[in-house]
Amino acid sequence: MKGQTYFIFALIIAILIAIFAVINVGAVQVNYLFGTGEAPLILVILGSVLMGGLITFSFGAVKFYQMKRENKSLRSQLSSTKTSDTKETPSRRSRKRETARAVGNEDGKTN
């Protein structure tokens, strides 16, 4: 449902941009870094939207893969922590007995 909402929202935005671009078809002067030129305003608008979309997508993709890698790392740390917690070593048992004795439980059993 969430994906459909985003898709519908993106479709509405795309339609509005297309209508805005079609209305503005006159030629305009464009100043580039290396010179100037004339181009139809519709191409300038659509080119700007396309470049903005590509830049946004690339930043989002980089962030997605960073988070995916971090998630994988944290999951492996969690699974290794769980496996080490389930395996009780003899030194751990003796520490539990010492703790239980210090608390006042004479037989060394813990609850």
N, C-alpha and C. Protein backbone atom coordinates (compact mmCIF):
# COMPACT_ATOMS: atom_id res chain seq x y z
N MET A 1 0.82 -1.18 0.00
CA MET A 1 0.00 0.00 0.00
C MET A 1 0.87 1.25 0.00
N LYS A 2 1.95 1.22 0.77
CA LYS A 2 2.83 2.38 0.85
C LYS A 2 3.50 2.64 -0.49
N GLY A 3 3.91 1.58 -1.18
CA GLY A 3 4.54 1.71 -2.49
C GLY A 3 3.59 2.29 -3.52
N GLN A 4 2.32 1.91 -3.45
CA GLN A 4 1.33 2.45 -4.38
C GLN A 4 1.11 3.93 -4.14
N THR A 5 1.12 4.35 -2.89
CA THR A 5 0.95 5.77 -2.57
C THR A 5 2.10 6.58 -3.13
N TYR A 6 3.33 6.10 -2.96
CA TYR A 6 4.49 6.80 -3.52
C TYR A 6 4.42 6.85 -5.04
N PHE A 7 4.00 5.77 -5.65
CA PHE A 7 3.90 5.73 -7.11
C PHE A 7 2.87 6.73 -7.62
N ILE A 8 1.72 6.78 -6.98
CA ILE A 8 0.67 7.73 -7.39
C ILE A 8 1.15 9.16 -7.19
N PHE A 9 1.80 9.43 -6.07
CA PHE A 9 2.33 10.77 -5.82
C PHE A 9 3.37 11.15 -6.87
N ALA A 10 4.27 10.24 -7.21
CA ALA A 10 5.29 10.51 -8.22
C ALA A 10 4.66 10.73 -9.59
N LEU A 11 3.63 9.97 -9.89
CA LEU A 11 2.93 10.12 -11.17
C LEU A 11 2.27 11.50 -11.27
N ILE A 12 1.65 11.95 -10.20
CA ILE A 12 1.02 13.28 -10.18
C ILE A 12 2.07 14.36 -10.38
N ILE A 13 3.19 14.26 -9.68
CA ILE A 13 4.27 15.24 -9.83
C ILE A 13 4.80 15.24 -11.26
N ALA A 14 4.98 14.06 -11.86
CA ALA A 14 5.49 13.96 -13.23
C ALA A 14 4.51 14.60 -14.21
N ILE A 15 3.23 14.39 -14.01
CA ILE A 15 2.22 15.00 -14.89
C ILE A 15 2.25 16.52 -14.76
N LEU A 16 2.36 17.03 -13.54
CA LEU A 16 2.42 18.49 -13.34
C LEU A 16 3.66 19.08 -13.99
N ILE A 17 4.80 18.42 -13.87
CA ILE A 17 6.03 18.91 -14.50
C ILE A 17 5.89 18.88 -16.03
N ALA A 18 5.30 17.81 -16.56
CA ALA A 18 5.12 17.72 -18.01
C ALA A 18 4.19 18.83 -18.51
N ILE A 19 3.12 19.10 -17.81
CA ILE A 19 2.20 20.17 -18.21
C ILE A 19 2.92 21.52 -18.16
N PHE A 20 3.67 21.76 -17.10
CA PHE A 20 4.42 23.00 -16.96
C PHE A 20 5.42 23.15 -18.10
N ALA A 21 6.10 22.08 -18.47
CA ALA A 21 7.09 22.13 -19.54
C ALA A 21 6.44 22.38 -20.89
N VAL A 22 5.30 21.74 -21.16
CA VAL A 22 4.61 21.90 -22.44
C VAL A 22 4.08 23.32 -22.60
N ILE A 23 3.66 23.94 -21.53
CA ILE A 23 3.16 25.32 -21.59
C ILE A 23 4.29 26.28 -21.94
N ASN A 24 5.51 26.01 -21.47
CA ASN A 24 6.66 26.88 -21.69
C ASN A 24 7.54 26.33 -22.80
N VAL A 25 7.19 26.63 -24.06
CA VAL A 25 7.94 26.08 -25.19
C VAL A 25 8.82 27.11 -25.88
N GLY A 26 8.84 28.34 -25.41
CA GLY A 26 9.63 29.38 -26.05
C GLY A 26 11.12 29.14 -25.92
N ALA A 27 11.89 29.75 -26.82
CA ALA A 27 13.35 29.63 -26.79
C ALA A 27 13.91 30.60 -25.76
N VAL A 28 14.90 30.14 -25.01
CA VAL A 28 15.54 30.99 -24.00
C VAL A 28 17.05 30.89 -24.19
N GLN A 29 17.74 31.93 -23.70
CA GLN A 29 19.20 31.91 -23.73
C GLN A 29 19.70 31.21 -22.47
N VAL A 30 20.59 30.24 -22.67
CA VAL A 30 21.14 29.46 -21.57
C VAL A 30 22.62 29.78 -21.46
N ASN A 31 23.08 30.13 -20.27
CA ASN A 31 24.49 30.42 -20.02
C ASN A 31 25.15 29.18 -19.44
N TYR A 32 26.05 28.58 -20.22
CA TYR A 32 26.82 27.43 -19.77
C TYR A 32 28.12 27.93 -19.16
N LEU A 33 28.88 27.04 -18.57
CA LEU A 33 30.17 27.43 -18.02
C LEU A 33 31.14 27.87 -19.12
N PHE A 34 31.01 27.29 -20.29
CA PHE A 34 31.96 27.55 -21.37
C PHE A 34 31.39 28.44 -22.47
N GLY A 35 30.17 28.92 -22.31
CA GLY A 35 29.58 29.80 -23.32
C GLY A 35 28.09 29.94 -23.14
N THR A 36 27.43 30.48 -24.16
CA THR A 36 25.98 30.64 -24.11
C THR A 36 25.37 30.00 -25.34
N GLY A 37 24.09 29.78 -25.25
CA GLY A 37 23.36 29.20 -26.38
C GLY A 37 21.87 29.36 -26.17
N GLU A 38 21.12 29.05 -27.20
CA GLU A 38 19.66 29.09 -27.10
C GLU A 38 19.12 27.68 -27.12
N ALA A 39 18.11 27.48 -26.32
CA ALA A 39 17.46 26.16 -26.25
C ALA A 39 15.99 26.37 -25.92
N PRO A 40 15.14 25.46 -26.36
CA PRO A 40 13.73 25.57 -25.98
C PRO A 40 13.59 25.39 -24.46
N LEU A 41 12.73 26.18 -23.86
CA LEU A 41 12.54 26.13 -22.41
C LEU A 41 12.06 24.76 -21.95
N ILE A 42 11.30 24.07 -22.79
CA ILE A 42 10.82 22.74 -22.43
C ILE A 42 12.00 21.79 -22.19
N LEU A 43 13.05 21.90 -23.02
CA LEU A 43 14.22 21.04 -22.83
C LEU A 43 15.00 21.42 -21.58
N VAL A 44 15.06 22.72 -21.31
CA VAL A 44 15.76 23.16 -20.10
C VAL A 44 15.04 22.65 -18.85
N ILE A 45 13.72 22.75 -18.85
CA ILE A 45 12.93 22.29 -17.69
C ILE A 45 13.07 20.78 -17.53
N LEU A 46 12.85 20.03 -18.60
CA LEU A 46 12.92 18.57 -18.50
C LEU A 46 14.34 18.09 -18.18
N GLY A 47 15.35 18.76 -18.75
CA GLY A 47 16.74 18.40 -18.43
C GLY A 47 17.06 18.65 -16.96
N SER A 48 16.57 19.77 -16.44
CA SER A 48 16.81 20.08 -15.02
C SER A 48 16.13 19.07 -14.10
N VAL A 49 14.91 18.71 -14.43
CA VAL A 49 14.19 17.72 -13.62
C VAL A 49 14.90 16.38 -13.69
N LEU A 50 15.35 16.00 -14.88
CA LEU A 50 16.05 14.72 -15.05
C LEU A 50 17.36 14.70 -14.25
N MET A 51 18.12 15.78 -14.33
CA MET A 51 19.39 15.84 -13.59
C MET A 51 19.12 15.81 -12.07
N GLY A 52 18.12 16.54 -11.63
CA GLY A 52 17.78 16.52 -10.20
C GLY A 52 17.37 15.13 -9.74
N GLY A 53 16.59 14.44 -10.57
CA GLY A 53 16.18 13.07 -10.24
C GLY A 53 17.35 12.11 -10.18
N LEU A 54 18.28 12.24 -11.14
CA LEU A 54 19.45 11.36 -11.15
C LEU A 54 20.36 11.62 -9.95
N ILE A 55 20.55 12.87 -9.59
CA ILE A 55 21.39 13.20 -8.44
C ILE A 55 20.74 12.67 -7.16
N THR A 56 19.43 12.88 -7.02
CA THR A 56 18.72 12.38 -5.84
C THR A 56 18.78 10.86 -5.76
N PHE A 57 18.60 10.20 -6.91
CA PHE A 57 18.66 8.73 -6.94
C PHE A 57 20.04 8.23 -6.54
N SER A 58 21.11 8.89 -7.06
CA SER A 58 22.45 8.39 -6.72
C SER A 58 22.77 8.57 -5.25
N PHE A 59 22.38 9.69 -4.65
CA PHE A 59 22.60 9.86 -3.22
C PHE A 59 21.79 8.84 -2.42
N GLY A 60 20.55 8.60 -2.84
CA GLY A 60 19.71 7.61 -2.16
C GLY A 60 20.27 6.21 -2.29
N ALA A 61 20.79 5.87 -3.46
CA ALA A 61 21.36 4.53 -3.66
C ALA A 61 22.59 4.32 -2.79
N VAL A 62 23.45 5.35 -2.71
CA VAL A 62 24.64 5.24 -1.86
C VAL A 62 24.23 5.03 -0.41
N LYS A 63 23.27 5.82 0.06
CA LYS A 63 22.80 5.70 1.45
C LYS A 63 22.17 4.32 1.68
N PHE A 64 21.40 3.83 0.70
CA PHE A 64 20.76 2.52 0.82
C PHE A 64 21.81 1.43 1.00
N TYR A 65 22.85 1.44 0.17
CA TYR A 65 23.86 0.39 0.26
C TYR A 65 24.70 0.52 1.53
N GLN A 66 24.93 1.74 2.01
CA GLN A 66 25.62 1.91 3.29
C GLN A 66 24.79 1.32 4.42
N MET A 67 23.50 1.61 4.42
CA MET A 67 22.63 1.08 5.48
C MET A 67 22.50 -0.43 5.38
N LYS A 68 22.46 -0.95 4.15
CA LYS A 68 22.37 -2.40 3.95
C LYS A 68 23.62 -3.10 4.49
N ARG A 69 24.79 -2.51 4.23
CA ARG A 69 26.04 -3.08 4.73
C ARG A 69 26.10 -3.01 6.25
N GLU A 70 25.66 -1.87 6.83
CA GLU A 70 25.65 -1.74 8.28
C GLU A 70 24.67 -2.73 8.91
N ASN A 71 23.51 -2.91 8.29
CA ASN A 71 22.53 -3.87 8.78
C ASN A 71 23.09 -5.28 8.78
N LYS A 72 23.79 -5.64 7.71
CA LYS A 72 24.40 -6.97 7.63
C LYS A 72 25.44 -7.16 8.73
N SER A 73 26.25 -6.12 8.96
CA SER A 73 27.28 -6.19 9.99
C SER A 73 26.64 -6.34 11.38
N LEU A 74 25.61 -5.56 11.64
CA LEU A 74 24.95 -5.63 12.95
C LEU A 74 24.26 -6.97 13.16
N ARG A 75 23.67 -7.51 12.08
CA ARG A 75 23.04 -8.83 12.20
C ARG A 75 24.07 -9.91 12.52
N SER A 76 25.24 -9.84 11.89
CA SER A 76 26.26 -10.84 12.18
C SER A 76 26.79 -10.69 13.61
N GLN A 77 26.91 -9.44 14.08
CA GLN A 77 27.33 -9.22 15.47
C GLN A 77 26.28 -9.77 16.43
N LEU A 78 25.02 -9.56 16.10
CA LEU A 78 23.93 -10.05 16.96
C LEU A 78 23.91 -11.57 17.00
N SER A 79 24.07 -12.20 15.83
CA SER A 79 24.05 -13.67 15.82
C SER A 79 25.25 -14.24 16.56
N SER A 80 26.42 -13.60 16.44
CA SER A 80 27.57 -14.10 17.18
C SER A 80 27.41 -13.89 18.67
N THR A 81 26.75 -12.81 19.06
CA THR A 81 26.48 -12.56 20.48
C THR A 81 25.49 -13.58 21.02
N LYS A 82 24.47 -13.90 20.22
CA LYS A 82 23.49 -14.90 20.67
C LYS A 82 24.12 -16.26 20.83
N THR A 83 24.99 -16.66 19.90
CA THR A 83 25.61 -17.98 20.00
C THR A 83 26.58 -18.04 21.17
N SER A 84 27.26 -16.93 21.46
CA SER A 84 28.18 -16.96 22.60
C SER A 84 27.41 -16.93 23.92
N ASP A 85 26.23 -16.34 23.94
CA ASP A 85 25.42 -16.33 25.16
C ASP A 85 24.81 -17.69 25.44
N THR A 86 24.50 -18.45 24.40
CA THR A 86 23.87 -19.76 24.61
C THR A 86 24.88 -20.80 25.08
N LYS A 87 26.13 -20.63 24.74
CA LYS A 87 27.16 -21.57 25.15
C LYS A 87 27.74 -21.08 26.48
N GLU A 88 27.45 -21.81 27.53
CA GLU A 88 27.94 -21.40 28.86
C GLU A 88 29.24 -22.14 29.15
N THR A 89 30.27 -21.41 29.35
CA THR A 89 31.58 -21.99 29.61
C THR A 89 31.72 -22.29 31.10
N PRO A 90 32.66 -23.17 31.48
CA PRO A 90 32.87 -23.49 32.90
C PRO A 90 33.21 -22.25 33.72
N SER A 91 33.97 -21.33 33.18
CA SER A 91 34.32 -20.13 33.94
C SER A 91 33.08 -19.29 34.21
N ARG A 92 32.15 -19.30 33.29
CA ARG A 92 30.90 -18.58 33.51
C ARG A 92 30.10 -19.20 34.63
N ARG A 93 30.05 -20.53 34.65
CA ARG A 93 29.30 -21.21 35.70
C ARG A 93 29.90 -20.90 37.06
N SER A 94 31.22 -20.89 37.14
CA SER A 94 31.85 -20.61 38.43
C SER A 94 31.60 -19.17 38.86
N ARG A 95 31.56 -18.24 37.89
CA ARG A 95 31.24 -16.84 38.24
C ARG A 95 29.82 -16.72 38.76
N LYS A 96 28.90 -17.49 38.16
CA LYS A 96 27.51 -17.46 38.63
C LYS A 96 27.43 -17.99 40.06
N ARG A 97 28.19 -19.06 40.35
CA ARG A 97 28.17 -19.61 41.71
C ARG A 97 28.74 -18.61 42.70
N GLU A 98 29.84 -17.96 42.32
CA GLU A 98 30.44 -16.97 43.21
C GLU A 98 29.48 -15.81 43.46
N THR A 99 28.80 -15.39 42.44
CA THR A 99 27.83 -14.30 42.59
C THR A 99 26.69 -14.74 43.49
N ALA A 100 26.22 -15.96 43.30
CA ALA A 100 25.12 -16.46 44.11
C ALA A 100 25.55 -16.59 45.57
N ARG A 101 26.77 -17.01 45.82
CA ARG A 101 27.26 -17.12 47.20
C ARG A 101 27.39 -15.75 47.83
N ALA A 102 27.85 -14.80 47.06
CA ALA A 102 28.01 -13.44 47.59
C ALA A 102 26.65 -12.84 47.96
N VAL A 103 25.62 -13.22 47.23
CA VAL A 103 24.29 -12.70 47.50
C VAL A 103 23.69 -13.38 48.73
N GLY A 104 24.13 -14.59 49.00
CA GLY A 104 23.63 -15.27 50.19
C GLY A 104 23.04 -16.63 49.90
N ASN A 105 23.07 -17.05 48.69
CA ASN A 105 22.58 -18.36 48.32
C ASN A 105 23.70 -19.36 48.55
N GLU A 106 23.57 -20.20 49.57
CA GLU A 106 24.65 -21.07 50.03
C GLU A 106 24.98 -22.19 49.05
N ASP A 107 23.99 -22.74 48.35
CA ASP A 107 24.27 -23.89 47.50
C ASP A 107 24.79 -23.50 46.12
N GLY A 108 24.81 -22.20 45.77
CA GLY A 108 25.39 -21.75 44.51
C GLY A 108 24.45 -21.84 43.34
N LYS A 109 23.20 -22.18 43.56
CA LYS A 109 22.24 -22.25 42.46
C LYS A 109 21.68 -20.87 42.20
N THR A 110 21.40 -20.61 40.91
CA THR A 110 20.79 -19.33 40.55
C THR A 110 19.38 -19.57 40.09
N ASN A 111 18.57 -18.56 40.15
CA ASN A 111 17.16 -18.69 39.72
C ASN A 111 17.02 -18.50 38.26
